[in-house]
Amino acid sequence: MSIVTRTGDDGISGLLTGERVSKGSDRIEAYGTVDELNAVLGVCIAEIDSSGSSADESHGSRLRLHDCLLEIQRILFIAGADLAAPLLSKARINRVSGKEIETVEKWIDELEQALPELKRFIIPGGSVLSAHLHLARTVCRRAERCVVRLSEKEKINKEVQVFLNRLSDYLFMAARHDS
């Protein structure tokens, strides 16, 4: 089976429901940006994997971050499908729920306890991983803005928007933790 279908050559793409919409639509922009975020997180995971192993304390926290980022990628696939299937459609898909939001909130709490109080603005950078986490945070914020724009025109699962808001907070904290 070839990946080349030519079905999108006219600027139209298919939703999970089979409905065809413009590739410039707010819905495509929203789930496309979620997909971009997932790719940036893949870069973060690759950076963790390439950093090698060591017996120091940071190794354990990087393994924890690695596992969290893999779970986030899984949730982002759910979020993408959630956005690719209009809420009122009959599509049978998993949707983002409060459970995923609670998970990320728990991770934020863990990082807050491990970090000193924030007393100044943070300039993105630090380690290579921290810089990539800051990039992921900014892409996450853009994804959230795309979802908000979509929600102003169509009914969506609001939990996606809340999840992205919490996720950007988590990514900020993770970047601080690794810098």
C-alpha atoms as a PDB file:
ATOM      1  CA  MET A   1       0.000   0.000   0.000  1.00  0.00           C
ATOM      2  CA  SER A   2       1.488   3.324  -1.053  1.00  0.00           C
ATOM      3  CA  ILE A   3       1.502   6.303   1.285  1.00  0.00           C
ATOM      4  CA  VAL A   4       0.789   8.487  -1.757  1.00  0.00           C
ATOM      5  CA  THR A   5      -3.003   8.702  -2.137  1.00  0.00           C
ATOM      6  CA  ARG A   6      -3.332  12.046  -3.925  1.00  0.00           C
ATOM      7  CA  THR A   7      -6.589  12.606  -2.007  1.00  0.00           C
ATOM      8  CA  GLY A   8      -5.214  15.756  -0.384  1.00  0.00           C
ATOM      9  CA  ASP A   9      -3.779  17.358  -3.498  1.00  0.00           C
ATOM     10  CA  ASP A  10      -6.734  19.720  -3.749  1.00  0.00           C
ATOM     11  CA  GLY A  11      -6.204  21.112  -0.219  1.00  0.00           C
ATOM     12  CA  ILE A  12      -8.901  18.923   1.327  1.00  0.00           C
ATOM     13  CA  SER A  13      -8.333  16.356   4.073  1.00  0.00           C
ATOM     14  CA  GLY A  14     -10.494  13.703   5.704  1.00  0.00           C
ATOM     15  CA  LEU A  15     -11.599  13.661   9.323  1.00  0.00           C
ATOM     16  CA  LEU A  16     -12.036  10.413  11.241  1.00  0.00           C
ATOM     17  CA  THR A  17     -15.732  10.602  10.395  1.00  0.00           C
ATOM     18  CA  GLY A  18     -14.952  10.537   6.668  1.00  0.00           C
ATOM     19  CA  GLU A  19     -16.043  14.154   6.280  1.00  0.00           C
ATOM     20  CA  ARG A  20     -13.763  16.140   3.949  1.00  0.00           C
ATOM     21  CA  VAL A  21     -12.629  19.606   5.100  1.00  0.00           C
ATOM     22  CA  SER A  22     -10.132  22.248   4.015  1.00  0.00           C
ATOM     23  CA  LYS A  23      -6.584  21.704   5.206  1.00  0.00           C
ATOM     24  CA  GLY A  24      -6.792  25.334   6.316  1.00  0.00           C
ATOM     25  CA  SER A  25      -9.678  24.663   8.699  1.00  0.00           C
ATOM     26  CA  ASP A  26      -9.384  25.396  12.402  1.00  0.00           C
ATOM     27  CA  ARG A  27      -9.951  21.705  13.147  1.00  0.00           C
ATOM     28  CA  ILE A  28      -7.039  20.556  10.959  1.00  0.00           C
ATOM     29  CA  GLU A  29      -4.852  23.347  12.391  1.00  0.00           C
ATOM     30  CA  ALA A  30      -5.693  22.235  15.946  1.00  0.00           C
ATOM     31  CA  TYR A  31      -4.934  18.551  15.564  1.00  0.00           C
ATOM     32  CA  GLY A  32      -1.988  19.281  13.279  1.00  0.00           C
ATOM     33  CA  THR A  33      -0.423  21.435  15.985  1.00  0.00           C
ATOM     34  CA  VAL A  34      -1.049  18.678  18.547  1.00  0.00           C
ATOM     35  CA  ASP A  35       0.790  16.349  16.148  1.00  0.00           C
ATOM     36  CA  GLU A  36       3.662  18.857  15.912  1.00  0.00           C
ATOM     37  CA  LEU A  37       3.844  18.948  19.711  1.00  0.00           C
ATOM     38  CA  ASN A  38       4.029  15.163  19.766  1.00  0.00           C
ATOM     39  CA  ALA A  39       6.970  15.301  17.343  1.00  0.00           C
ATOM     40  CA  VAL A  40       8.817  17.859  19.496  1.00  0.00           C
ATOM     41  CA  LEU A  41       8.311  15.592  22.499  1.00  0.00           C
ATOM     42  CA  GLY A  42       9.833  12.793  20.408  1.00  0.00           C
ATOM     43  CA  VAL A  43      12.952  14.969  20.094  1.00  0.00           C
ATOM     44  CA  CYS A  44      12.980  15.381  23.890  1.00  0.00           C
ATOM     45  CA  ILE A  45      12.741  11.629  24.363  1.00  0.00           C
ATOM     46  CA  ALA A  46      15.532  11.062  21.835  1.00  0.00           C
ATOM     47  CA  GLU A  47      17.711  13.539  23.745  1.00  0.00           C
ATOM     48  CA  ILE A  48      17.096  11.634  26.983  1.00  0.00           C
ATOM     49  CA  ASP A  49      17.883   8.346  25.231  1.00  0.00           C
ATOM     50  CA  SER A  50      21.100   9.700  23.716  1.00  0.00           C
ATOM     51  CA  SER A  51      22.358  11.155  26.997  1.00  0.00           C
ATOM     52  CA  GLY A  52      23.373   7.690  28.162  1.00  0.00           C
ATOM     53  CA  SER A  53      23.051   6.297  31.632  1.00  0.00           C
ATOM     54  CA  SER A  54      24.812   7.301  34.779  1.00  0.00           C
ATOM     55  CA  ALA A  55      24.469   6.545  38.455  1.00  0.00           C
ATOM     56  CA  ASP A  56      23.872  10.143  39.499  1.00  0.00           C
ATOM     57  CA  GLU A  57      20.612  11.580  40.785  1.00  0.00           C
ATOM     58  CA  SER A  58      19.715  13.226  37.465  1.00  0.00           C
ATOM     59  CA  HIS A  59      19.564   9.826  35.780  1.00  0.00           C
ATOM     60  CA  GLY A  60      16.561   8.796  37.879  1.00  0.00           C
ATOM     61  CA  SER A  61      14.748  12.055  37.224  1.00  0.00           C
ATOM     62  CA  ARG A  62      15.454  11.772  33.489  1.00  0.00           C
ATOM     63  CA  LEU A  63      14.059   8.237  33.466  1.00  0.00           C
ATOM     64  CA  ARG A  64      10.937   9.565  35.195  1.00  0.00           C
ATOM     65  CA  LEU A  65      10.697  12.381  32.633  1.00  0.00           C
ATOM     66  CA  HIS A  66      11.174   9.854  29.821  1.00  0.00           C
ATOM     67  CA  ASP A  67       8.258   7.765  31.103  1.00  0.00           C
ATOM     68  CA  CYS A  68       6.062  10.839  31.574  1.00  0.00           C
ATOM     69  CA  LEU A  69       6.804  12.080  28.054  1.00  0.00           C
ATOM     70  CA  LEU A  70       5.913   8.680  26.582  1.00  0.00           C
ATOM     71  CA  GLU A  71       2.594   8.794  28.448  1.00  0.00           C
ATOM     72  CA  ILE A  72       2.013  12.349  27.214  1.00  0.00           C
ATOM     73  CA  GLN A  73       2.635  11.218  23.642  1.00  0.00           C
ATOM     74  CA  ARG A  74      -0.012   8.518  24.104  1.00  0.00           C
ATOM     75  CA  ILE A  75      -2.476  11.090  25.434  1.00  0.00           C
ATOM     76  CA  LEU A  76      -1.675  13.455  22.570  1.00  0.00           C
ATOM     77  CA  PHE A  77      -2.678  10.730  20.105  1.00  0.00           C
ATOM     78  CA  ILE A  78      -6.006  10.546  21.931  1.00  0.00           C
ATOM     79  CA  ALA A  79      -6.278  14.359  21.839  1.00  0.00           C
ATOM     80  CA  GLY A  80      -5.539  14.394  18.110  1.00  0.00           C
ATOM     81  CA  ALA A  81      -8.224  11.805  17.438  1.00  0.00           C
ATOM     82  CA  ASP A  82     -10.591  13.709  19.731  1.00  0.00           C
ATOM     83  CA  LEU A  83     -10.073  16.835  17.627  1.00  0.00           C
ATOM     84  CA  ALA A  84     -10.260  14.889  14.338  1.00  0.00           C
ATOM     85  CA  ALA A  85     -13.719  13.560  15.181  1.00  0.00           C
ATOM     86  CA  PRO A  86     -16.320  16.270  15.807  1.00  0.00           C
ATOM     87  CA  LEU A  87     -17.806  15.928  19.282  1.00  0.00           C
ATOM     88  CA  LEU A  88     -21.340  15.299  18.076  1.00  0.00           C
ATOM     89  CA  SER A  89     -20.275  12.694  15.505  1.00  0.00           C
ATOM     90  CA  LYS A  90     -20.944   9.009  15.935  1.00  0.00           C
ATOM     91  CA  ALA A  91     -17.227   8.222  15.779  1.00  0.00           C
ATOM     92  CA  ARG A  92     -16.276   5.642  18.361  1.00  0.00           C
ATOM     93  CA  ILE A  93     -13.007   6.947  19.743  1.00  0.00           C
ATOM     94  CA  ASN A  94     -11.417   7.547  23.092  1.00  0.00           C
ATOM     95  CA  ARG A  95     -11.623  11.163  24.229  1.00  0.00           C
ATOM     96  CA  VAL A  96      -9.460  13.133  26.639  1.00  0.00           C
ATOM     97  CA  SER A  97     -10.950  13.082  30.131  1.00  0.00           C
ATOM     98  CA  GLY A  98     -10.333  14.442  33.585  1.00  0.00           C
ATOM     99  CA  LYS A  99      -8.178  11.393  34.302  1.00  0.00           C
ATOM    100  CA  GLU A 100      -5.433  12.582  31.959  1.00  0.00           C
ATOM    101  CA  ILE A 101      -5.616  16.091  33.406  1.00  0.00           C
ATOM    102  CA  GLU A 102      -5.287  14.743  36.961  1.00  0.00           C
ATOM    103  CA  THR A 103      -2.244  12.710  35.941  1.00  0.00           C
ATOM    104  CA  VAL A 104      -0.446  15.779  34.606  1.00  0.00           C
ATOM    105  CA  GLU A 105      -1.444  17.809  37.680  1.00  0.00           C
ATOM    106  CA  LYS A 106       0.125  15.127  39.882  1.00  0.00           C
ATOM    107  CA  TRP A 107       3.358  15.349  37.880  1.00  0.00           C
ATOM    108  CA  ILE A 108       3.348  19.148  38.221  1.00  0.00           C
ATOM    109  CA  ASP A 109       2.948  18.816  41.998  1.00  0.00           C
ATOM    110  CA  GLU A 110       5.916  16.412  42.131  1.00  0.00           C
ATOM    111  CA  LEU A 111       8.131  18.835  40.208  1.00  0.00           C
ATOM    112  CA  GLU A 112       7.002  21.834  42.282  1.00  0.00           C
ATOM    113  CA  GLN A 113       8.077  20.042  45.441  1.00  0.00           C
ATOM    114  CA  ALA A 114      11.512  19.328  43.969  1.00  0.00           C
ATOM    115  CA  LEU A 115      12.193  22.874  42.727  1.00  0.00           C
ATOM    116  CA  PRO A 116      12.920  26.118  44.544  1.00  0.00           C
ATOM    117  CA  GLU A 117      10.309  28.871  44.414  1.00  0.00           C
ATOM    118  CA  LEU A 118      10.351  30.752  41.122  1.00  0.00           C
ATOM    119  CA  LYS A 119      11.434  34.345  41.738  1.00  0.00           C
ATOM    120  CA  ARG A 120      12.300  35.558  38.240  1.00  0.00           C
ATOM    121  CA  PHE A 121      11.483  34.997  34.609  1.00  0.00           C
ATOM    122  CA  ILE A 122      13.136  32.010  32.980  1.00  0.00           C
ATOM    123  CA  ILE A 123      14.981  32.467  29.712  1.00  0.00           C
ATOM    124  CA  PRO A 124      14.585  29.251  27.667  1.00  0.00           C
ATOM    125  CA  GLY A 125      17.813  27.330  27.427  1.00  0.00           C
ATOM    126  CA  GLY A 126      19.986  25.570  29.943  1.00  0.00           C
ATOM    127  CA  SER A 127      20.643  22.034  28.784  1.00  0.00           C
ATOM    128  CA  VAL A 128      19.775  20.800  25.298  1.00  0.00           C
ATOM    129  CA  LEU A 129      16.880  18.858  26.806  1.00  0.00           C
ATOM    130  CA  SER A 130      15.646  21.893  28.723  1.00  0.00           C
ATOM    131  CA  ALA A 131      15.717  23.978  25.535  1.00  0.00           C
ATOM    132  CA  HIS A 132      13.697  21.328  23.705  1.00  0.00           C
ATOM    133  CA  LEU A 133      11.205  21.156  26.579  1.00  0.00           C
ATOM    134  CA  HIS A 134      10.761  24.934  26.346  1.00  0.00           C
ATOM    135  CA  LEU A 135      10.172  24.534  22.600  1.00  0.00           C
ATOM    136  CA  ALA A 136       7.569  21.857  23.357  1.00  0.00           C
ATOM    137  CA  ARG A 137       5.939  24.237  25.853  1.00  0.00           C
ATOM    138  CA  THR A 138       5.589  26.967  23.232  1.00  0.00           C
ATOM    139  CA  VAL A 139       4.176  24.548  20.663  1.00  0.00           C
ATOM    140  CA  CYS A 140       1.766  23.320  23.350  1.00  0.00           C
ATOM    141  CA  ARG A 141       0.611  26.894  23.989  1.00  0.00           C
ATOM    142  CA  ARG A 142       0.052  27.348  20.250  1.00  0.00           C
ATOM    143  CA  ALA A 143      -1.915  24.094  20.133  1.00  0.00           C
ATOM    144  CA  GLU A 144      -4.048  25.378  22.992  1.00  0.00           C
ATOM    145  CA  ARG A 145      -4.722  28.632  21.111  1.00  0.00           C
ATOM    146  CA  CYS A 146      -5.727  26.628  18.035  1.00  0.00           C
ATOM    147  CA  VAL A 147      -8.117  24.536  20.123  1.00  0.00           C
ATOM    148  CA  VAL A 148      -9.614  27.684  21.655  1.00  0.00           C
ATOM    149  CA  ARG A 149     -10.215  29.137  18.164  1.00  0.00           C
ATOM    150  CA  LEU A 150     -11.863  25.870  17.108  1.00  0.00           C
ATOM    151  CA  SER A 151     -14.028  25.847  20.255  1.00  0.00           C
ATOM    152  CA  GLU A 152     -15.276  29.338  19.413  1.00  0.00           C
ATOM    153  CA  LYS A 153     -16.724  27.974  16.150  1.00  0.00           C
ATOM    154  CA  GLU A 154     -17.595  24.351  16.900  1.00  0.00           C
ATOM    155  CA  LYS A 155     -18.506  22.232  19.893  1.00  0.00           C
ATOM    156  CA  ILE A 156     -15.464  20.309  21.107  1.00  0.00           C
ATOM    157  CA  ASN A 157     -14.442  18.256  24.107  1.00  0.00           C
ATOM    158  CA  LYS A 158     -13.301  21.045  26.473  1.00  0.00           C
ATOM    159  CA  GLU A 159     -11.075  18.568  28.315  1.00  0.00           C
ATOM    160  CA  VAL A 160      -8.608  18.776  25.383  1.00  0.00           C
ATOM    161  CA  GLN A 161      -8.182  22.498  26.005  1.00  0.00           C
ATOM    162  CA  VAL A 162      -7.745  21.995  29.760  1.00  0.00           C
ATOM    163  CA  PHE A 163      -5.268  19.160  29.179  1.00  0.00           C
ATOM    164  CA  LEU A 164      -3.131  21.329  26.880  1.00  0.00           C
ATOM    165  CA  ASN A 165      -3.179  24.152  29.422  1.00  0.00           C
ATOM    166  CA  ARG A 166      -1.942  21.825  32.173  1.00  0.00           C
ATOM    167  CA  LEU A 167       0.559  20.196  29.840  1.00  0.00           C
ATOM    168  CA  SER A 168       2.222  23.511  29.038  1.00  0.00           C
ATOM    169  CA  ASP A 169       2.610  24.085  32.799  1.00  0.00           C
ATOM    170  CA  TYR A 170       4.152  20.637  33.175  1.00  0.00           C
ATOM    171  CA  LEU A 171       6.570  21.231  30.305  1.00  0.00           C
ATOM    172  CA  PHE A 172       7.645  24.522  31.899  1.00  0.00           C
ATOM    173  CA  MET A 173       8.309  22.775  35.189  1.00  0.00           C
ATOM    174  CA  ALA A 174      10.146  19.907  33.484  1.00  0.00           C
ATOM    175  CA  ALA A 175      12.350  22.386  31.593  1.00  0.00           C
ATOM    176  CA  ARG A 176      13.168  24.168  34.864  1.00  0.00           C
ATOM    177  CA  HIS A 177      13.941  20.866  36.527  1.00  0.00           C
ATOM    178  CA  ASP A 178      16.377  19.801  33.816  1.00  0.00           C
ATOM    179  CA  SER A 179      18.166  23.140  33.287  1.00  0.00           C
END
